[in-house]
N, C-alpha and C. Protein backbone atom coordinates (compact mmCIF):
# COMPACT_ATOMS: atom_id res chain seq x y z
N MET A 1 154.90 145.62 138.24
CA MET A 1 154.62 145.50 139.62
C MET A 1 154.38 144.01 139.96
N LYS A 2 154.96 143.52 140.96
CA LYS A 2 154.81 142.17 141.39
C LYS A 2 153.49 142.00 142.17
N HIS A 3 152.76 140.95 141.81
CA HIS A 3 151.52 140.69 142.48
C HIS A 3 151.81 139.45 143.44
N PHE A 4 151.11 139.39 144.54
CA PHE A 4 151.29 138.39 145.51
C PHE A 4 150.10 137.47 145.54
N LYS A 5 150.27 136.25 146.01
CA LYS A 5 149.22 135.30 146.16
C LYS A 5 148.63 135.37 147.61
N VAL A 6 147.41 135.41 147.75
CA VAL A 6 146.73 135.46 149.07
C VAL A 6 146.28 134.00 149.33
N ILE A 7 146.66 133.47 150.52
CA ILE A 7 146.19 132.15 150.81
C ILE A 7 145.30 132.11 152.09
N PHE A 8 144.24 131.47 151.99
CA PHE A 8 143.25 131.40 153.07
C PHE A 8 143.28 129.99 153.74
N SER A 9 143.08 130.02 154.99
CA SER A 9 142.90 128.71 155.70
C SER A 9 141.54 128.28 155.43
N PRO A 10 141.33 126.99 155.57
CA PRO A 10 139.99 126.49 155.34
C PRO A 10 138.97 127.12 156.31
N ASN A 11 139.35 127.49 157.53
CA ASN A 11 138.41 128.18 158.46
C ASN A 11 138.06 129.51 157.94
N ALA A 12 138.97 130.25 157.33
CA ALA A 12 138.67 131.56 156.86
C ALA A 12 137.70 131.44 155.65
N LEU A 13 137.87 130.46 154.77
CA LEU A 13 136.84 130.31 153.70
C LEU A 13 135.58 129.95 154.25
N THR A 14 135.44 129.15 155.24
CA THR A 14 134.15 128.74 155.86
C THR A 14 133.48 130.05 156.48
N ASP A 15 134.32 130.84 157.08
CA ASP A 15 133.73 132.09 157.67
C ASP A 15 133.20 133.05 156.57
N ILE A 16 133.88 133.15 155.49
CA ILE A 16 133.42 134.02 154.38
C ILE A 16 132.10 133.46 153.86
N GLU A 17 132.05 132.11 153.63
CA GLU A 17 130.78 131.54 153.10
C GLU A 17 129.63 131.75 154.14
N LYS A 18 129.89 131.53 155.40
CA LYS A 18 128.84 131.77 156.44
C LYS A 18 128.40 133.19 156.43
N ALA A 19 129.34 134.10 156.34
CA ALA A 19 128.99 135.52 156.36
C ALA A 19 128.14 135.87 155.13
N THR A 20 128.47 135.31 153.95
CA THR A 20 127.74 135.51 152.78
C THR A 20 126.29 134.97 152.89
N ASP A 21 126.19 133.79 153.40
CA ASP A 21 124.85 133.20 153.68
C ASP A 21 124.08 134.06 154.66
N TYR A 22 124.70 134.56 155.74
CA TYR A 22 124.03 135.41 156.76
C TYR A 22 123.48 136.62 156.09
N TYR A 23 124.35 137.29 155.30
CA TYR A 23 123.87 138.60 154.72
C TYR A 23 122.78 138.28 153.70
N ASN A 24 122.81 137.12 153.07
CA ASN A 24 121.69 136.86 152.03
C ASN A 24 120.40 136.61 152.80
N GLU A 25 120.47 136.08 154.04
CA GLU A 25 119.27 135.91 154.83
C GLU A 25 118.69 137.17 155.38
N GLN A 26 119.55 138.18 155.52
CA GLN A 26 119.07 139.48 156.00
C GLN A 26 118.39 140.30 154.89
N LYS A 27 118.94 140.23 153.63
CA LYS A 27 118.37 140.95 152.57
C LYS A 27 118.90 140.30 151.26
N ALA A 28 117.96 140.05 150.34
CA ALA A 28 118.31 139.48 149.04
C ALA A 28 119.37 140.30 148.34
N GLY A 29 120.45 139.62 147.93
CA GLY A 29 121.52 140.31 147.21
C GLY A 29 122.59 140.90 148.05
N LEU A 30 122.39 140.99 149.34
CA LEU A 30 123.36 141.57 150.24
C LEU A 30 124.56 140.69 150.39
N GLY A 31 124.40 139.40 150.39
CA GLY A 31 125.51 138.44 150.41
C GLY A 31 126.43 138.52 149.19
N LYS A 32 125.75 138.73 148.03
CA LYS A 32 126.48 138.93 146.74
C LYS A 32 127.34 140.17 146.82
N ARG A 33 126.78 141.30 147.40
CA ARG A 33 127.50 142.50 147.57
C ARG A 33 128.68 142.31 148.50
N PHE A 34 128.52 141.55 149.51
CA PHE A 34 129.57 141.28 150.49
C PHE A 34 130.73 140.47 149.79
N ALA A 35 130.32 139.46 149.02
CA ALA A 35 131.36 138.63 148.32
C ALA A 35 132.10 139.45 147.31
N GLN A 36 131.43 140.37 146.67
CA GLN A 36 132.14 141.22 145.67
C GLN A 36 133.07 142.13 146.36
N GLN A 37 132.71 142.69 147.54
CA GLN A 37 133.61 143.51 148.30
C GLN A 37 134.85 142.77 148.77
N VAL A 38 134.70 141.50 149.21
CA VAL A 38 135.78 140.69 149.58
C VAL A 38 136.76 140.51 148.42
N GLN A 39 136.20 140.25 147.25
CA GLN A 39 136.99 140.06 146.01
C GLN A 39 137.75 141.33 145.69
N SER A 40 137.04 142.50 145.74
CA SER A 40 137.67 143.72 145.50
C SER A 40 138.92 144.03 146.50
N THR A 41 138.60 143.72 147.70
CA THR A 41 139.62 143.96 148.79
C THR A 41 140.84 143.10 148.49
N LEU A 42 140.57 141.84 148.14
CA LEU A 42 141.66 140.89 147.88
C LEU A 42 142.48 141.37 146.67
N LYS A 43 141.84 141.90 145.74
CA LYS A 43 142.58 142.44 144.51
C LYS A 43 143.50 143.55 144.87
N THR A 44 142.97 144.39 145.84
CA THR A 44 143.78 145.57 146.33
C THR A 44 144.95 145.03 147.04
N ILE A 45 144.75 144.07 147.93
CA ILE A 45 145.84 143.49 148.77
C ILE A 45 146.90 142.86 147.84
N LYS A 46 146.47 142.11 146.86
CA LYS A 46 147.37 141.44 145.95
C LYS A 46 148.27 142.43 145.22
N GLY A 47 147.66 143.49 144.80
CA GLY A 47 148.35 144.56 144.07
C GLY A 47 149.30 145.40 144.86
N ASN A 48 148.94 145.62 146.10
CA ASN A 48 149.74 146.45 146.98
C ASN A 48 149.72 145.94 148.42
N PRO A 49 150.50 144.87 148.63
CA PRO A 49 150.42 144.20 149.91
C PRO A 49 151.10 144.97 151.10
N TYR A 50 151.81 146.00 150.75
CA TYR A 50 152.46 146.80 151.82
C TYR A 50 151.68 148.06 152.14
N PHE A 51 150.45 148.08 151.63
CA PHE A 51 149.55 149.29 151.82
C PHE A 51 149.22 149.53 153.23
N SER A 52 149.11 148.37 154.03
CA SER A 52 148.80 148.56 155.46
C SER A 52 149.64 147.70 156.25
N SER A 53 149.51 147.71 157.56
CA SER A 53 150.38 146.89 158.46
C SER A 53 150.06 145.43 158.37
N ILE A 54 151.09 144.64 158.68
CA ILE A 54 150.93 143.16 158.65
C ILE A 54 150.42 142.73 160.02
N ARG A 55 149.36 141.81 159.99
CA ARG A 55 148.72 141.30 161.17
C ARG A 55 148.92 139.80 161.24
């Protein structure tokens, strides 16, 4: 199975970092859980990029 590379714009990376910081401010460890979910979702997208529609 071919895996694809996911490329983020600098703005997207900044948004993910800000969201992680925000969640950590709301509750300890929540930002870490968010970051782990982002990584998990990216792994799914890389493994099966045609799973959902292209936006």
